[in-house]
Amino acid sequence: MKRIISLCFAGFFATSLLAQSNVAAGIKFYGGSWKELLDSAGKSNKMIFVDVYTDWCGPCKYMDKHIFSQQAVGRKYNETFLSYKLNAEKEEGIDLAKKYAVGAYPTFLFLNSAGYLIYKVVGEREEKDFVNLVTEAKKQEADANNLGNMEQMFSNGNRDPLFLRSYLERLAEMQMNNNEALDAYFNILTDEQLNQDSTMIYLARHIKGTGTIVASYFIDHYDQLAETSKAKITNVLFGNLIRRQGIQSLSEKRLLEYSMLRKFSDKLVGLDSRQKSILNRLDLIYGGLVKDYDLIKKAGYAYTRGLLSIPIDSIRREDQRRFEKAMQPFVSGELDSTKIDDFEEEKKYMINIYSREISSKLHETAEAFTRLPSAEKQALKDALTWATKCGELMQDPKVSKKNIETLERKINE
């Protein structure tokens, strides 16, 4: 009897050990608060790894299920870091995601023991590449001029011009907010330096939004640049000031700011068709907010120009081409669809990518035109054509039902 009991106990003990080893196989994430994490890291003098995720992020779920759980990953990360999971849309995660300028998911942060950013990586990784991030993070930590050290030096008052330029480059590399550093650099520049195109071009390449002295100064003095200099910075200015900041201004109803940015966009040299299309979309939104019917019509006709003339069979062929291109990595075995949650649902979405692209423009414009007064009969009829075409493209009349009903009612009034 004692032997049986001993064997049972031994079996239970072995099972417990196995369970513990399985739990510890992957990354062990710290369970306390952010403050407690920093306290623990400071005491242990250990780097911090942070997985910034959201509940709806498919690649985040992939990392959780297939990468974080791997034994080799757990061994490397557990011996090197204190690891922490941070939901960017809940509780303390909201402010911390802003602090570390997280704009896509998953984002992986590697911090020193004091919580200063050392290294940042955006996007999912396979096991080998994810393990290799440890080596790069340790390499960055060993660099005396890593971002964390430079941030501390800046906070301690270092305003040497060469240091500030290096600091700005590091901030750009890690896609971090540089407002304070950029204004500090601007404040040490002489009038002679500011009159040079090379200085203005450098400043332009580091402007991320309107929240700096530099942005206001640059917009006011843009006209002094040579045309060749203006052309060099069009894309960066459009991307950071007009597209990113303009969309944010509209979404937050900062309409005076948007109006200023929109006027500035008209000065930019050499905008391409894609950039002009984005401006038309922004004008549609702005026109709807301020009831500028002339702007809505002007932007809407420009935004949808040529879409109705594209033959349906050409659209379907382009759908097929894009679908095959998207599926190619799965067909070749480069990617494994079984590791992607809801792959079949995603696959359905990818079947008609081009149709969605066209119908989205038609839908947005038709919806904007529903705000026009009933007297605008021709514009309302054109919008009805766009809304109907949108339903045909998506093979689902319900997507445009509300717009169609509103437009028909206004036409018949």
Protein backbone atom coordinates (compact mmCIF):
# COMPACT_ATOMS: atom_id res chain seq x y z
CA MET A 1 0.00 0.00 0.00
CA LYS A 2 2.81 2.36 0.93
CA ARG A 3 4.50 1.54 -2.37
CA ILE A 4 1.34 2.45 -4.30
CA ILE A 5 1.00 5.70 -2.37
CA SER A 6 4.68 6.48 -3.02
CA LEU A 7 4.27 5.78 -6.72
CA CYS A 8 1.15 7.95 -6.87
CA PHE A 9 2.95 10.76 -5.06
CA ALA A 10 5.93 10.41 -7.36
CA GLY A 11 3.63 10.53 -10.37
CA PHE A 12 1.84 13.60 -9.00
CA PHE A 13 5.19 15.29 -8.27
CA ALA A 14 6.47 14.56 -11.78
CA THR A 15 3.23 15.86 -13.28
CA SER A 16 3.53 19.03 -11.22
CA LEU A 17 7.10 19.55 -12.37
CA LEU A 18 6.04 19.00 -15.97
CA ALA A 19 3.22 21.51 -15.59
CA GLN A 20 5.61 24.04 -14.08
CA SER A 21 8.11 23.51 -16.89
CA ASN A 22 5.35 23.97 -19.45
CA VAL A 23 4.20 27.19 -17.79
CA ALA A 24 7.77 28.44 -17.78
CA ALA A 25 8.44 27.30 -21.34
CA GLY A 26 7.55 30.66 -22.85
CA ILE A 27 8.01 34.25 -21.76
CA LYS A 28 7.00 34.91 -18.15
CA PHE A 29 5.25 38.28 -18.04
CA TYR A 30 5.36 40.39 -14.89
CA GLY A 31 1.95 40.58 -13.20
CA GLY A 32 2.20 43.79 -11.18
CA SER A 33 1.63 47.45 -12.02
CA TRP A 34 3.91 49.59 -14.17
CA LYS A 35 5.36 51.29 -11.09
CA GLU A 36 6.03 47.92 -9.47
CA LEU A 37 7.69 46.76 -12.68
CA LEU A 38 10.07 49.75 -12.66
CA ASP A 39 10.84 49.20 -8.98
CA SER A 40 11.67 45.54 -9.63
CA ALA A 41 13.79 46.40 -12.68
CA GLY A 42 15.69 49.03 -10.71
CA LYS A 43 16.44 46.62 -7.88
CA SER A 44 17.53 43.82 -10.22
CA ASN A 45 19.25 46.21 -12.69
CA LYS A 46 17.52 44.30 -15.47
CA MET A 47 16.29 45.55 -18.85
CA ILE A 48 12.56 45.59 -19.53
CA PHE A 49 10.77 44.07 -22.52
CA VAL A 50 7.24 45.38 -23.20
CA ASP A 51 4.74 43.83 -25.60
CA VAL A 52 2.30 46.62 -26.55
CA TYR A 53 -0.87 45.10 -27.98
CA THR A 54 -4.62 45.57 -28.43
CA ASP A 55 -7.47 43.11 -28.04
CA TRP A 56 -8.39 43.31 -31.75
CA CYS A 57 -4.85 42.95 -33.17
CA GLY A 58 -4.47 39.70 -35.15
CA PRO A 59 -0.63 39.74 -35.30
CA CYS A 60 -0.60 40.35 -31.52
CA LYS A 61 -2.62 37.18 -31.00
CA TYR A 62 -0.27 35.33 -33.35
CA MET A 63 2.75 36.39 -31.26
CA ASP A 64 1.00 35.30 -28.06
CA LYS A 65 0.02 31.90 -29.36
CA HIS A 66 2.95 30.89 -31.54
CA ILE A 67 6.03 32.90 -30.51
CA PHE A 68 5.91 33.99 -26.85
CA SER A 69 5.04 30.41 -25.88
CA GLN A 70 8.16 28.85 -27.44
CA GLN A 71 10.79 27.41 -25.10
CA ALA A 72 13.77 28.98 -26.89
CA VAL A 73 12.05 32.37 -26.81
CA GLY A 74 11.18 32.04 -23.13
CA ARG A 75 14.70 30.98 -22.18
CA LYS A 76 16.30 33.96 -23.92
CA TYR A 77 13.81 36.61 -22.82
CA ASN A 78 13.40 35.40 -19.23
CA GLU A 79 17.13 35.43 -18.55
CA THR A 80 17.60 38.87 -20.15
CA PHE A 81 14.52 40.94 -19.30
CA LEU A 82 11.65 41.59 -16.99
CA SER A 83 8.79 41.22 -19.47
CA TYR A 84 5.49 43.08 -19.39
CA LYS A 85 2.27 43.07 -21.44
CA LEU A 86 0.65 46.45 -22.07
CA ASN A 87 -2.80 46.92 -23.60
CA ALA A 88 -2.55 50.24 -25.46
CA GLU A 89 -6.28 50.91 -25.15
CA LYS A 90 -6.85 50.24 -21.46
CA GLU A 91 -5.93 51.88 -18.13
CA GLU A 92 -2.25 52.84 -17.79
CA GLY A 93 -1.54 51.49 -21.28
CA ILE A 94 -3.22 54.48 -22.93
CA ASP A 95 -0.78 57.05 -21.49
CA LEU A 96 2.24 54.76 -21.79
CA ALA A 97 1.50 54.07 -25.47
CA LYS A 98 1.50 57.85 -26.03
CA LYS A 99 4.71 58.28 -24.04
CA TYR A 100 6.55 55.75 -26.20
CA ALA A 101 4.83 56.95 -29.43
CA VAL A 102 3.22 53.60 -30.24
CA GLY A 103 1.15 53.84 -33.41
CA ALA A 104 0.94 50.25 -34.66
CA TYR A 105 0.58 46.82 -33.10
CA PRO A 106 2.28 44.84 -31.92
CA THR A 107 5.09 47.17 -30.87
CA PHE A 108 7.98 45.79 -28.84
CA LEU A 109 9.74 48.16 -26.45
CA PHE A 110 13.13 47.47 -24.90
CA LEU A 111 13.80 49.76 -21.94
CA ASN A 112 16.66 50.18 -19.52
CA SER A 113 16.04 49.48 -15.84
CA ALA A 114 14.94 53.10 -15.29
CA GLY A 115 12.24 52.87 -17.97
CA TYR A 116 14.02 54.87 -20.70
CA LEU A 117 13.56 53.56 -24.22
CA ILE A 118 16.59 51.80 -25.69
CA TYR A 119 15.13 50.06 -28.73
CA LYS A 120 11.73 49.80 -30.43
CA VAL A 121 10.46 47.34 -33.03
CA VAL A 122 7.09 47.38 -34.80
CA GLY A 123 5.35 44.33 -36.22
CA GLU A 124 5.21 40.58 -35.69
CA ARG A 125 8.32 38.40 -35.99
CA GLU A 126 8.93 34.70 -36.46
CA GLU A 127 10.73 32.83 -33.69
CA LYS A 128 14.31 33.16 -34.94
CA ASP A 129 14.01 36.85 -35.76
CA PHE A 130 12.26 37.55 -32.47
CA VAL A 131 15.04 35.86 -30.50
CA ASN A 132 17.60 37.89 -32.47
CA LEU A 133 15.99 41.09 -31.18
CA VAL A 134 17.56 40.32 -27.81
CA THR A 135 21.04 40.63 -29.30
CA GLU A 136 20.20 43.96 -30.94
CA ALA A 137 18.60 45.30 -27.75
CA LYS A 138 21.69 44.38 -25.71
CA LYS A 139 23.89 45.98 -28.37
CA GLN A 140 21.86 49.18 -28.10
CA GLU A 141 22.11 49.07 -24.30
CA ALA A 142 25.89 48.85 -24.52
CA ASP A 143 26.03 51.94 -26.74
CA ALA A 144 26.83 54.97 -24.59
CA ASN A 145 24.78 57.08 -27.01
CA ASN A 146 21.64 54.95 -26.90
CA LEU A 147 18.34 56.81 -26.83
CA GLY A 148 17.79 56.27 -23.12
CA ASN A 149 21.15 57.79 -22.20
CA MET A 150 20.64 60.67 -24.61
CA GLU A 151 17.21 61.38 -23.14
CA GLN A 152 18.76 61.59 -19.69
CA MET A 153 21.52 63.91 -20.98
CA PHE A 154 18.92 66.15 -22.63
CA SER A 155 16.89 66.25 -19.40
CA ASN A 156 20.06 67.25 -17.57
CA GLY A 157 20.47 70.28 -19.85
CA ASN A 158 22.85 69.23 -22.63
CA ARG A 159 22.25 71.67 -25.51
CA ASP A 160 25.37 71.14 -27.56
CA PRO A 161 24.41 71.45 -31.28
CA LEU A 162 26.05 68.18 -32.34
CA PHE A 163 24.44 66.36 -29.42
CA LEU A 164 21.00 67.75 -30.28
CA ARG A 165 21.33 66.68 -33.92
CA SER A 166 22.36 63.19 -32.83
CA TYR A 167 19.50 63.09 -30.36
CA LEU A 168 17.00 64.12 -33.04
CA GLU A 169 18.30 61.36 -35.32
CA ARG A 170 17.87 58.79 -32.56
CA LEU A 171 14.35 60.00 -31.83
CA ALA A 172 13.50 59.72 -35.52
CA GLU A 173 14.98 56.24 -35.69
CA MET A 174 12.75 55.10 -32.81
CA GLN A 175 9.74 57.07 -34.10
CA MET A 176 9.51 59.03 -30.87
CA ASN A 177 8.05 62.48 -30.16
CA ASN A 178 10.78 65.05 -30.80
CA ASN A 179 8.94 68.32 -30.12
CA GLU A 180 11.00 69.40 -27.14
CA ALA A 181 14.33 68.46 -28.70
CA LEU A 182 13.48 70.13 -32.02
CA ASP A 183 12.52 73.40 -30.35
CA ALA A 184 15.70 73.27 -28.26
CA TYR A 185 17.76 72.91 -31.44
CA PHE A 186 15.84 75.75 -33.10
CA ASN A 187 16.55 78.05 -30.15
CA ILE A 188 20.33 77.77 -30.53
CA LEU A 189 20.32 78.51 -34.27
CA THR A 190 21.49 81.94 -35.44
CA ASP A 191 19.52 84.11 -37.88
CA GLU A 192 22.26 83.48 -40.43
CA GLN A 193 21.79 79.72 -40.11
CA LEU A 194 18.00 80.02 -40.38
CA ASN A 195 18.40 81.92 -43.65
CA GLN A 196 20.13 78.92 -45.21
CA ASP A 197 18.06 76.41 -47.19
CA SER A 198 20.10 73.54 -45.77
CA THR A 199 19.03 74.44 -42.23
CA MET A 200 15.39 74.78 -43.21
CA ILE A 201 15.48 71.43 -45.03
CA TYR A 202 16.94 69.79 -41.92
CA LEU A 203 14.20 71.27 -39.74
CA ALA A 204 11.51 70.21 -42.22
CA ARG A 205 12.65 66.60 -42.11
CA HIS A 206 12.14 66.54 -38.34
CA ILE A 207 8.80 68.34 -38.06
CA LYS A 208 6.22 65.79 -36.90
CA GLY A 209 3.27 68.05 -36.18
CA THR A 210 2.10 71.53 -35.28
CA GLY A 211 3.01 71.41 -31.60
CA THR A 212 6.38 73.13 -31.97
CA ILE A 213 7.82 76.61 -32.46
CA VAL A 214 9.66 75.16 -35.44
CA ALA A 215 6.46 74.20 -37.28
CA SER A 216 5.05 77.72 -36.99
CA TYR A 217 8.34 79.32 -38.02
CA PHE A 218 8.76 76.97 -40.97
CA ILE A 219 5.25 77.52 -42.33
CA ASP A 220 5.72 81.29 -42.06
CA HIS A 221 9.11 81.19 -43.84
CA TYR A 222 8.47 78.41 -46.37
CA ASP A 223 8.22 80.89 -49.24
CA GLN A 224 11.84 81.97 -48.81
CA LEU A 225 13.10 78.54 -49.95
CA ALA A 226 14.25 77.91 -53.50
CA GLU A 227 11.89 75.80 -55.62
CA THR A 228 14.43 72.98 -55.76
CA SER A 229 14.65 72.97 -51.97
CA LYS A 230 10.87 72.91 -51.62
CA ALA A 231 10.67 69.89 -53.94
CA LYS A 232 13.11 67.94 -51.74
CA ILE A 233 10.85 68.11 -48.69
CA THR A 234 7.37 67.84 -50.22
CA ASN A 235 6.82 64.19 -49.31
CA VAL A 236 7.95 64.49 -45.69
CA LEU A 237 5.94 67.68 -45.13
CA PHE A 238 2.84 66.18 -46.73
CA GLY A 239 3.15 62.97 -44.73
CA ASN A 240 3.78 64.53 -41.32
CA LEU A 241 1.99 67.87 -41.46
CA ILE A 242 -0.88 67.37 -43.89
CA ARG A 243 -1.82 63.71 -43.89
CA ARG A 244 -1.10 62.69 -40.30
CA GLN A 245 -1.66 66.00 -38.53
CA GLY A 246 -4.48 67.09 -40.84
CA ILE A 247 -6.48 63.90 -40.24
CA GLN A 248 -5.93 64.22 -36.49
CA SER A 249 -7.04 67.87 -36.53
CA LEU A 250 -10.25 66.97 -38.34
CA SER A 251 -11.02 64.00 -36.09
CA GLU A 252 -10.56 66.18 -33.00
CA LYS A 253 -12.52 69.10 -34.56
CA ARG A 254 -9.54 71.46 -34.42
CA LEU A 255 -10.81 73.14 -37.57
CA LEU A 256 -8.74 76.33 -37.41
CA GLU A 257 -5.60 74.20 -37.28
CA TYR A 258 -6.81 72.08 -40.19
CA SER A 259 -7.65 75.18 -42.22
CA MET A 260 -4.12 76.51 -41.70
CA LEU A 261 -2.57 73.20 -42.71
CA ARG A 262 -4.82 72.89 -45.74
CA LYS A 263 -3.81 76.35 -46.99
CA PHE A 264 -0.17 75.40 -46.49
CA SER A 265 -0.64 72.20 -48.51
CA ASP A 266 -1.53 74.29 -51.57
CA LYS A 267 2.00 75.72 -51.49
CA LEU A 268 3.73 72.34 -51.59
CA VAL A 269 5.65 71.72 -54.79
CA GLY A 270 5.07 68.60 -56.91
CA LEU A 271 2.21 66.79 -55.17
CA ASP A 272 1.44 63.49 -56.89
CA SER A 273 -2.00 62.08 -57.77
CA ARG A 274 -2.19 59.99 -54.59
CA GLN A 275 -1.50 63.03 -52.40
CA LYS A 276 -4.06 65.12 -54.28
CA SER A 277 -6.61 62.36 -53.78
CA ILE A 278 -5.98 62.46 -50.03
CA LEU A 279 -6.54 66.23 -50.06
CA ASN A 280 -9.86 65.74 -51.85
CA ARG A 281 -10.94 63.26 -49.20
CA LEU A 282 -9.96 65.64 -46.39
CA ASP A 283 -11.86 68.46 -48.13
CA LEU A 284 -14.96 66.26 -48.29
CA ILE A 285 -14.81 65.73 -44.54
CA TYR A 286 -14.07 69.39 -43.76
CA GLY A 287 -16.75 70.63 -46.16
CA GLY A 288 -19.31 68.42 -44.46
CA LEU A 289 -18.34 69.68 -41.00
CA VAL A 290 -18.60 73.39 -41.91
CA LYS A 291 -21.45 73.01 -44.46
CA ASP A 292 -19.34 74.35 -47.32
CA TYR A 293 -21.42 72.91 -50.17
CA ASP A 294 -19.22 74.28 -52.94
CA LEU A 295 -16.19 72.61 -51.38
CA ILE A 296 -18.07 69.31 -51.02
CA LYS A 297 -18.97 69.34 -54.72
CA LYS A 298 -15.51 70.38 -55.87
CA ALA A 299 -13.76 67.75 -53.76
CA GLY A 300 -16.32 65.05 -54.52
CA TYR A 301 -16.14 65.33 -58.29
CA ALA A 302 -12.34 65.36 -58.14
CA TYR A 303 -12.23 62.38 -55.73
CA THR A 304 -14.42 60.19 -57.94
CA ARG A 305 -13.15 61.36 -61.33
CA GLY A 306 -12.85 58.45 -63.76
CA LEU A 307 -14.12 55.75 -61.38
CA LEU A 308 -17.43 55.15 -63.16
CA SER A 309 -15.65 54.65 -66.49
CA ILE A 310 -13.63 51.65 -65.28
CA PRO A 311 -15.24 48.48 -66.73
CA ILE A 312 -16.51 45.95 -64.19
CA ASP A 313 -14.54 43.12 -65.81
CA SER A 314 -11.32 45.17 -65.49
CA ILE A 315 -12.06 45.72 -61.81
CA ARG A 316 -12.66 42.00 -61.26
CA ARG A 317 -9.41 41.11 -63.03
CA GLU A 318 -7.50 43.51 -60.81
CA ASP A 319 -9.25 42.00 -57.77
CA GLN A 320 -8.00 38.58 -58.88
CA ARG A 321 -4.46 39.83 -59.51
CA ARG A 322 -4.21 41.42 -56.07
CA PHE A 323 -5.77 38.39 -54.41
CA GLU A 324 -3.27 36.01 -56.03
CA LYS A 325 -0.40 38.28 -55.01
CA ALA A 326 -1.65 38.35 -51.41
CA MET A 327 -2.05 34.55 -51.34
CA GLN A 328 1.30 33.77 -52.98
CA PRO A 329 3.30 33.51 -49.71
CA PHE A 330 0.76 30.97 -48.40
CA VAL A 331 0.73 28.98 -51.64
CA SER A 332 4.53 28.82 -51.68
CA GLY A 333 4.71 27.77 -48.03
CA GLU A 334 6.57 30.91 -46.97
CA LEU A 335 3.70 31.67 -44.58
CA ASP A 336 1.46 29.21 -42.72
CA SER A 337 -2.23 30.11 -42.82
CA THR A 338 -3.01 27.69 -39.98
CA LYS A 339 -1.14 29.97 -37.59
CA ILE A 340 -3.34 32.96 -38.41
CA ASP A 341 -6.57 33.28 -36.46
CA ASP A 342 -9.64 34.00 -38.61
CA PHE A 343 -7.61 33.44 -41.80
CA GLU A 344 -10.69 32.37 -43.77
CA GLU A 345 -12.46 35.59 -42.82
CA GLU A 346 -9.42 37.64 -43.82
CA LYS A 347 -9.27 35.70 -47.08
CA LYS A 348 -12.84 36.72 -47.91
CA TYR A 349 -11.86 40.36 -47.42
CA MET A 350 -8.87 40.03 -49.76
CA ILE A 351 -10.94 38.59 -52.64
CA ASN A 352 -12.12 42.05 -53.73
CA ILE A 353 -9.46 44.50 -52.56
CA TYR A 354 -9.65 46.74 -55.64
CA SER A 355 -13.45 46.74 -55.67
CA ARG A 356 -13.39 47.86 -52.04
CA GLU A 357 -10.92 50.62 -52.86
CA ILE A 358 -13.16 52.06 -55.57
CA SER A 359 -16.44 51.53 -53.73
CA SER A 360 -15.01 53.20 -50.64
CA LYS A 361 -14.39 56.41 -52.58
CA LEU A 362 -17.84 56.27 -54.15
CA HIS A 363 -19.47 55.59 -50.79
CA GLU A 364 -17.63 58.40 -48.96
CA THR A 365 -18.48 60.90 -51.67
CA ALA A 366 -22.13 59.89 -51.95
CA GLU A 367 -22.45 60.14 -48.18
CA ALA A 368 -20.90 63.63 -48.20
CA PHE A 369 -23.32 64.68 -50.96
CA THR A 370 -26.32 63.66 -48.81
CA ARG A 371 -25.57 66.86 -46.86
CA LEU A 372 -26.25 69.02 -49.91
CA PRO A 373 -29.56 70.94 -49.99
CA SER A 374 -32.44 69.61 -52.08
CA ALA A 375 -31.93 72.38 -54.66
CA GLU A 376 -28.68 70.71 -55.80
CA LYS A 377 -30.59 68.26 -58.04
CA GLN A 378 -27.81 67.40 -60.51
CA ALA A 379 -25.22 66.83 -57.79
CA LEU A 380 -27.69 64.66 -55.86
CA LYS A 381 -28.41 62.60 -58.98
CA ASP A 382 -24.69 62.10 -59.58
CA ALA A 383 -24.28 61.00 -55.98
CA LEU A 384 -27.14 58.54 -56.43
CA THR A 385 -25.26 57.02 -59.38
CA TRP A 386 -22.13 56.65 -57.20
CA ALA A 387 -24.09 55.06 -54.36
CA THR A 388 -25.77 52.60 -56.74
CA LYS A 389 -22.44 51.69 -58.34
CA CYS A 390 -20.95 51.12 -54.91
CA GLY A 391 -23.63 48.52 -54.11
CA GLU A 392 -23.05 46.81 -57.47
CA LEU A 393 -19.30 46.59 -56.94
CA MET A 394 -19.69 45.09 -53.47
CA GLN A 395 -22.54 42.85 -54.71
CA ASP A 396 -24.49 44.00 -51.67
CA PRO A 397 -27.08 46.79 -52.06
CA LYS A 398 -27.30 47.16 -48.27
CA VAL A 399 -23.94 48.96 -48.14
CA SER A 400 -25.48 51.98 -49.89
CA LYS A 401 -29.12 51.63 -48.82
CA LYS A 402 -29.12 54.57 -46.39
CA ASN A 403 -27.36 56.91 -48.83
CA ILE A 404 -29.65 55.91 -51.69
CA GLU A 405 -32.78 56.51 -49.62
CA THR A 406 -31.58 59.95 -48.49
CA LEU A 407 -30.53 61.01 -52.00
CA GLU A 408 -33.78 59.82 -53.59
CA ARG A 409 -35.82 61.69 -51.00
CA LYS A 410 -33.92 64.95 -51.61
CA ILE A 411 -34.17 64.55 -55.38
CA ASN A 412 -37.94 64.13 -55.13
CA GLU A 413 -38.52 67.04 -52.76
